[in-house]
Amino acid sequence: MNFVITPRALLVAALAVPAGSAFAGINDPNNDFLPSYTGSHNGDLDVVSAFVNYNPGTDTFFFSGTMDAAIGTTASAFYVWCVDRGTGTARFGPLAPGVLFYSVVVLRLDGTATVNRFDGSDNLPAGTATFAGNTIQGSISGALLASTGFDKTAYTWNLWARDGSQAGNAAISDSDPDNSNAGVTAVPEPSTVAFLALGLGALGRVARRRSAA
């Protein structure tokens, strides 16, 4: 059987691996506000997708969440990623027994962020969190999220959108994923990407030789 490797196929392969590794996310249904939530049902409090990346080369986590409306629609909204570093427990009780964590990362509309490990916390300045359109995101040093058992590439997370005008668990409007944790996605090391590029280059040369023949 003969396979034809076109330049377009090579380009798609080259782009697909890094992009899939870097931006694989978890989707969440629209308009699935928690029954216990008592705030406004604005779209920026309805999570539609989220992901957390970890880059071992820079020891940096990248948090991203996309809502169903522009970030800032609700002035009192903020966004909390629960993180299990190895000793997470179900801290929400009956509301979400499947969500385990032992630290949280909070991103706010004023650009500030907080990393709370429950045995200590760090407040980070404006500019840590950024948002455009429906997406809010921020980079957090891995030094602020030291392991309590897991390798950092094996950490898990869950995103909660919150309305600060409400109190307690009634402020939690939506989560992603629902009642469970998702794993962080490790970003490929530069050496891995370079190796992939070399391999694709070799495939391209073979394809050109076969085409010329």
Protein backbone atom coordinates (compact mmCIF):
# COMPACT_ATOMS: atom_id res chain seq x y z
CA MET A 1 0.00 0.00 0.00
CA ASN A 2 1.36 3.46 -0.94
CA PHE A 3 0.78 6.48 1.28
CA VAL A 4 1.02 9.99 -0.16
CA ILE A 5 2.46 12.48 2.32
CA THR A 6 1.58 15.98 1.18
CA PRO A 7 3.07 19.24 2.51
CA ARG A 8 -0.36 20.09 3.89
CA ALA A 9 -0.47 16.82 5.84
CA LEU A 10 2.98 17.54 7.25
CA LEU A 11 1.90 21.01 8.34
CA VAL A 12 -1.22 19.67 10.01
CA ALA A 13 0.83 17.07 11.88
CA ALA A 14 3.38 19.64 12.97
CA LEU A 15 0.73 21.95 14.33
CA ALA A 16 -1.54 19.33 15.84
CA VAL A 17 0.87 17.83 18.36
CA PRO A 18 2.02 21.01 20.12
CA ALA A 19 -1.44 22.59 19.97
CA GLY A 20 -3.19 19.51 21.28
CA SER A 21 -0.66 19.17 24.08
CA ALA A 22 -0.79 22.81 25.02
CA PHE A 23 -4.51 23.56 24.78
CA ALA A 24 -6.38 20.34 25.47
CA GLY A 25 -9.33 21.41 27.62
CA ILE A 26 -12.52 20.28 29.29
CA ASN A 27 -15.85 21.44 27.87
CA ASP A 28 -18.90 22.12 30.04
CA PRO A 29 -22.56 22.39 28.97
CA ASN A 30 -24.04 25.86 28.57
CA ASN A 31 -26.53 27.22 31.07
CA ASP A 32 -25.93 24.49 33.67
CA PHE A 33 -25.93 26.70 36.75
CA LEU A 34 -25.78 24.82 40.03
CA PRO A 35 -29.17 24.47 41.77
CA SER A 36 -27.59 25.77 44.99
CA TYR A 37 -26.46 29.01 43.31
CA THR A 38 -28.40 32.13 44.31
CA GLY A 39 -26.79 34.86 42.16
CA SER A 40 -27.53 36.27 38.73
CA HIS A 41 -27.47 33.89 35.76
CA ASN A 42 -25.14 35.98 33.64
CA GLY A 43 -23.11 34.26 30.95
CA ASP A 44 -19.75 35.22 32.45
CA LEU A 45 -20.64 32.99 35.40
CA ASP A 46 -21.40 30.01 33.15
CA VAL A 47 -18.23 28.02 32.39
CA VAL A 48 -18.05 26.51 28.89
CA SER A 49 -14.44 25.28 28.84
CA ALA A 50 -11.22 25.34 30.84
CA PHE A 51 -7.72 23.93 30.94
CA VAL A 52 -4.54 24.02 33.02
CA ASN A 53 -1.13 23.56 31.41
CA TYR A 54 2.18 22.86 33.13
CA ASN A 55 5.54 23.66 31.54
CA PRO A 56 8.28 21.62 33.29
CA GLY A 57 10.98 23.65 31.55
CA THR A 58 9.89 26.89 33.23
CA ASP A 59 8.06 25.36 36.22
CA THR A 60 4.98 27.38 35.34
CA PHE A 61 1.27 26.60 35.43
CA PHE A 62 -1.09 28.33 32.99
CA PHE A 63 -4.76 28.56 33.99
CA SER A 64 -7.47 29.39 31.44
CA GLY A 65 -11.25 29.50 31.63
CA THR A 66 -13.81 30.48 28.99
CA MET A 67 -17.33 31.58 29.89
CA ASP A 68 -20.57 32.01 27.94
CA ALA A 69 -20.29 35.83 27.87
CA ALA A 70 -17.64 38.52 28.11
CA ILE A 71 -15.55 38.49 31.27
CA GLY A 72 -16.56 41.50 33.35
CA THR A 73 -20.27 41.32 32.56
CA THR A 74 -20.77 40.65 36.27
CA ALA A 75 -18.70 43.11 38.32
CA SER A 76 -18.61 40.77 41.33
CA ALA A 77 -17.45 37.67 39.42
CA PHE A 78 -14.18 35.90 40.14
CA TYR A 79 -12.75 32.52 39.18
CA VAL A 80 -11.28 29.80 41.38
CA TRP A 81 -9.24 26.79 40.28
CA CYS A 82 -9.10 24.07 42.92
CA VAL A 83 -5.80 22.17 42.68
CA ASP A 84 -4.96 18.73 44.06
CA ARG A 85 -1.19 18.50 44.58
CA GLY A 86 -1.35 15.03 46.12
CA THR A 87 -3.29 15.26 49.37
CA GLY A 88 -6.57 16.72 48.17
CA THR A 89 -9.81 16.09 50.02
CA ALA A 90 -13.49 16.70 49.23
CA ARG A 91 -13.83 20.11 50.85
CA PHE A 92 -17.22 20.95 49.33
CA GLY A 93 -18.98 18.04 51.04
CA PRO A 94 -22.32 17.00 49.50
CA LEU A 95 -22.17 19.81 46.93
CA ALA A 96 -19.29 18.17 45.04
CA PRO A 97 -17.89 15.04 46.73
CA GLY A 98 -15.88 14.19 43.61
CA VAL A 99 -13.83 17.41 43.66
CA LEU A 100 -10.59 16.96 45.60
CA PHE A 101 -8.14 19.76 46.37
CA TYR A 102 -5.63 21.16 48.82
CA SER A 103 -5.02 24.60 47.30
CA VAL A 104 -6.81 27.17 45.17
CA VAL A 105 -5.77 29.70 42.54
CA VAL A 106 -8.04 32.75 42.34
CA LEU A 107 -8.11 35.08 39.31
CA ARG A 108 -9.92 38.42 39.63
CA LEU A 109 -11.23 41.08 37.28
CA ASP A 110 -8.74 43.67 38.58
CA GLY A 111 -5.89 41.47 37.35
CA THR A 112 -4.78 40.31 40.78
CA ALA A 113 -4.53 36.68 41.83
CA THR A 114 -4.15 34.67 45.02
CA VAL A 115 -2.61 31.25 45.57
CA ASN A 116 -4.00 29.76 48.78
CA ARG A 117 -2.40 26.50 49.94
CA PHE A 118 -4.38 26.46 53.21
CA ASP A 119 -1.09 26.41 55.14
CA GLY A 120 -0.03 29.71 53.55
CA SER A 121 -0.99 32.03 50.72
CA ASP A 122 0.49 34.48 48.22
CA ASN A 123 -1.23 37.55 46.81
CA LEU A 124 -0.05 38.37 43.29
CA PRO A 125 -0.20 41.83 41.68
CA ALA A 126 -2.41 43.25 38.96
CA GLY A 127 -1.40 41.86 35.60
CA THR A 128 -1.17 38.30 36.86
CA ALA A 129 -4.68 37.65 35.56
CA THR A 130 -5.65 38.87 32.11
CA PHE A 131 -8.85 38.57 30.14
CA ALA A 132 -10.13 39.23 26.66
CA GLY A 133 -13.59 38.47 25.39
CA ASN A 134 -14.99 35.44 27.18
CA THR A 135 -11.66 34.09 28.46
CA ILE A 136 -9.70 34.78 31.65
CA GLN A 137 -6.23 33.36 32.20
CA GLY A 138 -3.07 33.64 34.24
CA SER A 139 0.39 32.12 34.73
CA ILE A 140 1.44 30.94 38.19
CA SER A 141 4.93 29.88 39.25
CA GLY A 142 5.19 26.22 40.20
CA ALA A 143 7.17 27.34 43.26
CA LEU A 144 3.86 28.56 44.72
CA LEU A 145 2.24 25.15 44.19
CA ALA A 146 4.78 22.75 45.65
CA SER A 147 3.95 19.05 45.53
CA THR A 148 2.31 17.31 48.47
CA GLY A 149 2.65 13.91 46.81
CA PHE A 150 1.99 14.18 43.07
CA ASP A 151 4.49 15.00 40.37
CA LYS A 152 3.49 18.43 39.06
CA THR A 153 2.59 16.90 35.70
CA ALA A 154 0.04 14.74 37.56
CA TYR A 155 -1.76 17.54 39.44
CA THR A 156 -5.52 17.74 38.96
CA TRP A 157 -7.90 20.70 38.99
CA ASN A 158 -11.47 21.96 38.85
CA LEU A 159 -12.68 25.46 37.94
CA TRP A 160 -15.43 27.20 39.89
CA ALA A 161 -16.99 30.47 38.75
CA ARG A 162 -18.17 32.57 41.70
CA ASP A 163 -20.35 35.61 42.28
CA GLY A 164 -18.84 37.62 45.13
CA SER A 165 -22.18 39.25 45.90
CA GLN A 166 -23.36 35.91 47.33
CA ALA A 167 -22.12 34.06 50.43
CA GLY A 168 -20.68 30.58 50.94
CA ASN A 169 -21.37 27.78 48.49
CA ALA A 170 -24.40 29.71 47.20
CA ALA A 171 -21.86 31.95 45.41
CA ILE A 172 -20.64 29.07 43.21
CA SER A 173 -22.46 29.37 39.90
CA ASP A 174 -20.87 26.62 37.81
CA SER A 175 -17.91 24.24 37.70
CA ASP A 176 -15.82 22.50 35.08
CA PRO A 177 -15.66 19.54 35.06
CA ASP A 178 -18.83 18.66 36.97
CA ASN A 179 -18.12 16.95 40.32
CA SER A 180 -14.69 15.63 39.31
CA ASN A 181 -11.11 16.67 38.71
CA ALA A 182 -9.25 16.94 35.40
CA GLY A 183 -5.52 16.46 34.89
CA VAL A 184 -3.11 19.22 33.96
CA THR A 185 -1.67 19.04 30.45
CA ALA A 186 2.12 18.99 30.23
CA VAL A 187 3.48 21.31 27.54
CA PRO A 188 6.14 19.61 25.38
CA GLU A 189 9.74 20.43 26.21
CA PRO A 190 11.53 22.46 23.49
CA SER A 191 13.67 19.39 22.75
CA THR A 192 10.53 17.34 22.09
CA VAL A 193 9.19 19.91 19.65
CA ALA A 194 12.60 20.09 17.93
CA PHE A 195 12.70 16.29 17.62
CA LEU A 196 9.21 16.32 16.10
CA ALA A 197 10.26 18.99 13.60
CA LEU A 198 13.31 16.94 12.57
CA GLY A 199 11.13 13.87 12.07
CA LEU A 200 8.61 15.79 9.98
CA GLY A 201 11.46 17.26 7.93
CA ALA A 202 12.74 13.77 7.18
CA LEU A 203 9.26 12.67 6.13
CA GLY A 204 9.07 15.68 3.84
CA ARG A 205 12.34 14.80 2.13
CA VAL A 206 11.18 11.21 1.61
CA ALA A 207 7.89 12.44 0.18
CA ARG A 208 9.68 14.77 -2.25
CA ARG A 209 12.03 12.00 -3.43
CA ARG A 210 9.09 9.65 -4.02
CA SER A 211 7.22 12.37 -5.87
CA ALA A 212 10.23 13.10 -8.10
CA ALA A 213 10.60 9.39 -8.87
